Amino acid sequence: MGPKDLINFLNKLEDNNIFYKLNKVRNDAIMVEIAVPGQRWEVEFMADGTVEIEKFIGDDNFYGGQEIEVLFRDFSD
């Protein structure tokens, strides 16, 4: 897959009103971050033409404001 495939993919997301944003976290890839209800997808278009997809699927639980402390306790350097 190449740049044309990335553009076609972005056009299809837009045609289907699916929210996304572009990001770059690797030297050899462009990431498309997609947010849909209960899920977040990271689709990376690699320089060598491969595509990698990682899905983050919610557990349908909601948490109170005290959960912010868990964020800092468990994930701070």
C-alpha atoms as a PDB file:
ATOM      1  CA  MET A   1       0.000   0.000   0.000  1.00  0.00           C
ATOM      2  CA  GLY A   2       1.222   3.482  -0.778  1.00  0.00           C
ATOM      3  CA  PRO A   3       0.284   7.146  -0.388  1.00  0.00           C
ATOM      4  CA  LYS A   4      -2.693   6.741  -2.721  1.00  0.00           C
ATOM      5  CA  ASP A   5      -4.103   4.032  -0.435  1.00  0.00           C
ATOM      6  CA  LEU A   6      -3.713   6.308   2.589  1.00  0.00           C
ATOM      7  CA  ILE A   7      -5.546   9.114   0.806  1.00  0.00           C
ATOM      8  CA  ASN A   8      -8.327   6.757  -0.306  1.00  0.00           C
ATOM      9  CA  PHE A   9      -8.634   5.468   3.274  1.00  0.00           C
ATOM     10  CA  LEU A  10      -8.914   9.018   4.655  1.00  0.00           C
ATOM     11  CA  ASN A  11     -11.504   9.919   2.024  1.00  0.00           C
ATOM     12  CA  LYS A  12     -13.549   6.848   2.956  1.00  0.00           C
ATOM     13  CA  LEU A  13     -13.416   7.783   6.657  1.00  0.00           C
ATOM     14  CA  GLU A  14     -14.637  11.272   5.788  1.00  0.00           C
ATOM     15  CA  ASP A  15     -17.376   9.953   3.484  1.00  0.00           C
ATOM     16  CA  ASN A  16     -18.614   7.805   6.390  1.00  0.00           C
ATOM     17  CA  ASN A  17     -18.347  10.624   8.972  1.00  0.00           C
ATOM     18  CA  ILE A  18     -15.800   8.715  11.065  1.00  0.00           C
ATOM     19  CA  PHE A  19     -13.625  10.976  13.229  1.00  0.00           C
ATOM     20  CA  TYR A  20      -9.864  10.645  12.789  1.00  0.00           C
ATOM     21  CA  LYS A  21      -6.653  12.544  13.230  1.00  0.00           C
ATOM     22  CA  LEU A  22      -3.203  12.055  11.773  1.00  0.00           C
ATOM     23  CA  ASN A  23      -0.125  11.456  13.882  1.00  0.00           C
ATOM     24  CA  LYS A  24       3.475  10.348  13.432  1.00  0.00           C
ATOM     25  CA  VAL A  25       5.160   8.368  16.198  1.00  0.00           C
ATOM     26  CA  ARG A  26       7.569   6.234  14.149  1.00  0.00           C
ATOM     27  CA  ASN A  27      10.153   7.419  11.648  1.00  0.00           C
ATOM     28  CA  ASP A  28       8.750   5.146   8.946  1.00  0.00           C
ATOM     29  CA  ALA A  29       4.978   5.458   9.373  1.00  0.00           C
ATOM     30  CA  ILE A  30       1.958   7.733   9.355  1.00  0.00           C
ATOM     31  CA  MET A  31      -0.673   6.929  11.960  1.00  0.00           C
ATOM     32  CA  VAL A  32      -4.398   7.455  11.562  1.00  0.00           C
ATOM     33  CA  GLU A  33      -6.068   7.605  14.973  1.00  0.00           C
ATOM     34  CA  ILE A  34      -9.761   6.760  14.780  1.00  0.00           C
ATOM     35  CA  ALA A  35     -12.342   7.280  17.510  1.00  0.00           C
ATOM     36  CA  VAL A  36     -15.630   5.384  17.392  1.00  0.00           C
ATOM     37  CA  PRO A  37     -18.022   4.667  20.269  1.00  0.00           C
ATOM     38  CA  GLY A  38     -16.284   2.390  22.770  1.00  0.00           C
ATOM     39  CA  GLN A  39     -13.168   1.958  20.635  1.00  0.00           C
ATOM     40  CA  ARG A  40     -10.061   3.700  19.460  1.00  0.00           C
ATOM     41  CA  TRP A  41      -8.081   2.405  16.487  1.00  0.00           C
ATOM     42  CA  GLU A  42      -4.510   3.170  15.479  1.00  0.00           C
ATOM     43  CA  VAL A  43      -3.913   2.396  11.802  1.00  0.00           C
ATOM     44  CA  GLU A  44      -0.303   2.851  10.713  1.00  0.00           C
ATOM     45  CA  PHE A  45       0.687   3.066   7.073  1.00  0.00           C
ATOM     46  CA  MET A  46       4.338   1.995   6.971  1.00  0.00           C
ATOM     47  CA  ALA A  47       6.969   3.225   4.485  1.00  0.00           C
ATOM     48  CA  ASP A  48       7.411  -0.336   3.188  1.00  0.00           C
ATOM     49  CA  GLY A  49       3.727  -0.511   2.209  1.00  0.00           C
ATOM     50  CA  THR A  50       2.453  -2.595   5.118  1.00  0.00           C
ATOM     51  CA  VAL A  51      -0.421  -1.531   7.341  1.00  0.00           C
ATOM     52  CA  GLU A  52      -0.615  -2.246  11.066  1.00  0.00           C
ATOM     53  CA  ILE A  53      -3.833  -1.885  13.054  1.00  0.00           C
ATOM     54  CA  GLU A  54      -4.131  -1.806  16.823  1.00  0.00           C
ATOM     55  CA  LYS A  55      -7.576  -1.639  18.457  1.00  0.00           C
ATOM     56  CA  PHE A  56      -8.291  -0.374  21.952  1.00  0.00           C
ATOM     57  CA  ILE A  57     -11.717  -1.588  23.009  1.00  0.00           C
ATOM     58  CA  GLY A  58     -13.380  -0.101  26.076  1.00  0.00           C
ATOM     59  CA  ASP A  59     -14.784  -2.182  28.880  1.00  0.00           C
ATOM     60  CA  ASP A  60     -18.028  -0.127  28.915  1.00  0.00           C
ATOM     61  CA  ASN A  61     -17.239   1.031  32.463  1.00  0.00           C
ATOM     62  CA  PHE A  62     -17.307   4.665  33.504  1.00  0.00           C
ATOM     63  CA  TYR A  63     -15.174   5.950  36.351  1.00  0.00           C
ATOM     64  CA  GLY A  64     -15.421   8.871  38.731  1.00  0.00           C
ATOM     65  CA  GLY A  65     -12.973  11.747  39.039  1.00  0.00           C
ATOM     66  CA  GLN A  66     -10.900   9.863  41.606  1.00  0.00           C
ATOM     67  CA  GLU A  67      -9.652   7.657  38.751  1.00  0.00           C
ATOM     68  CA  ILE A  68      -7.376  10.549  37.724  1.00  0.00           C
ATOM     69  CA  GLU A  69      -5.180   9.645  40.697  1.00  0.00           C
ATOM     70  CA  VAL A  70      -4.821   6.113  39.294  1.00  0.00           C
ATOM     71  CA  LEU A  71      -3.558   7.619  36.032  1.00  0.00           C
ATOM     72  CA  PHE A  72      -0.766   9.491  37.793  1.00  0.00           C
ATOM     73  CA  ARG A  73       0.007   6.733  40.285  1.00  0.00           C
ATOM     74  CA  ASP A  74       0.279   3.950  37.707  1.00  0.00           C
ATOM     75  CA  PHE A  75       1.675   5.732  34.656  1.00  0.00           C
ATOM     76  CA  SER A  76       4.011   8.516  35.823  1.00  0.00           C
ATOM     77  CA  ASP A  77       7.736   8.171  35.301  1.00  0.00           C
END
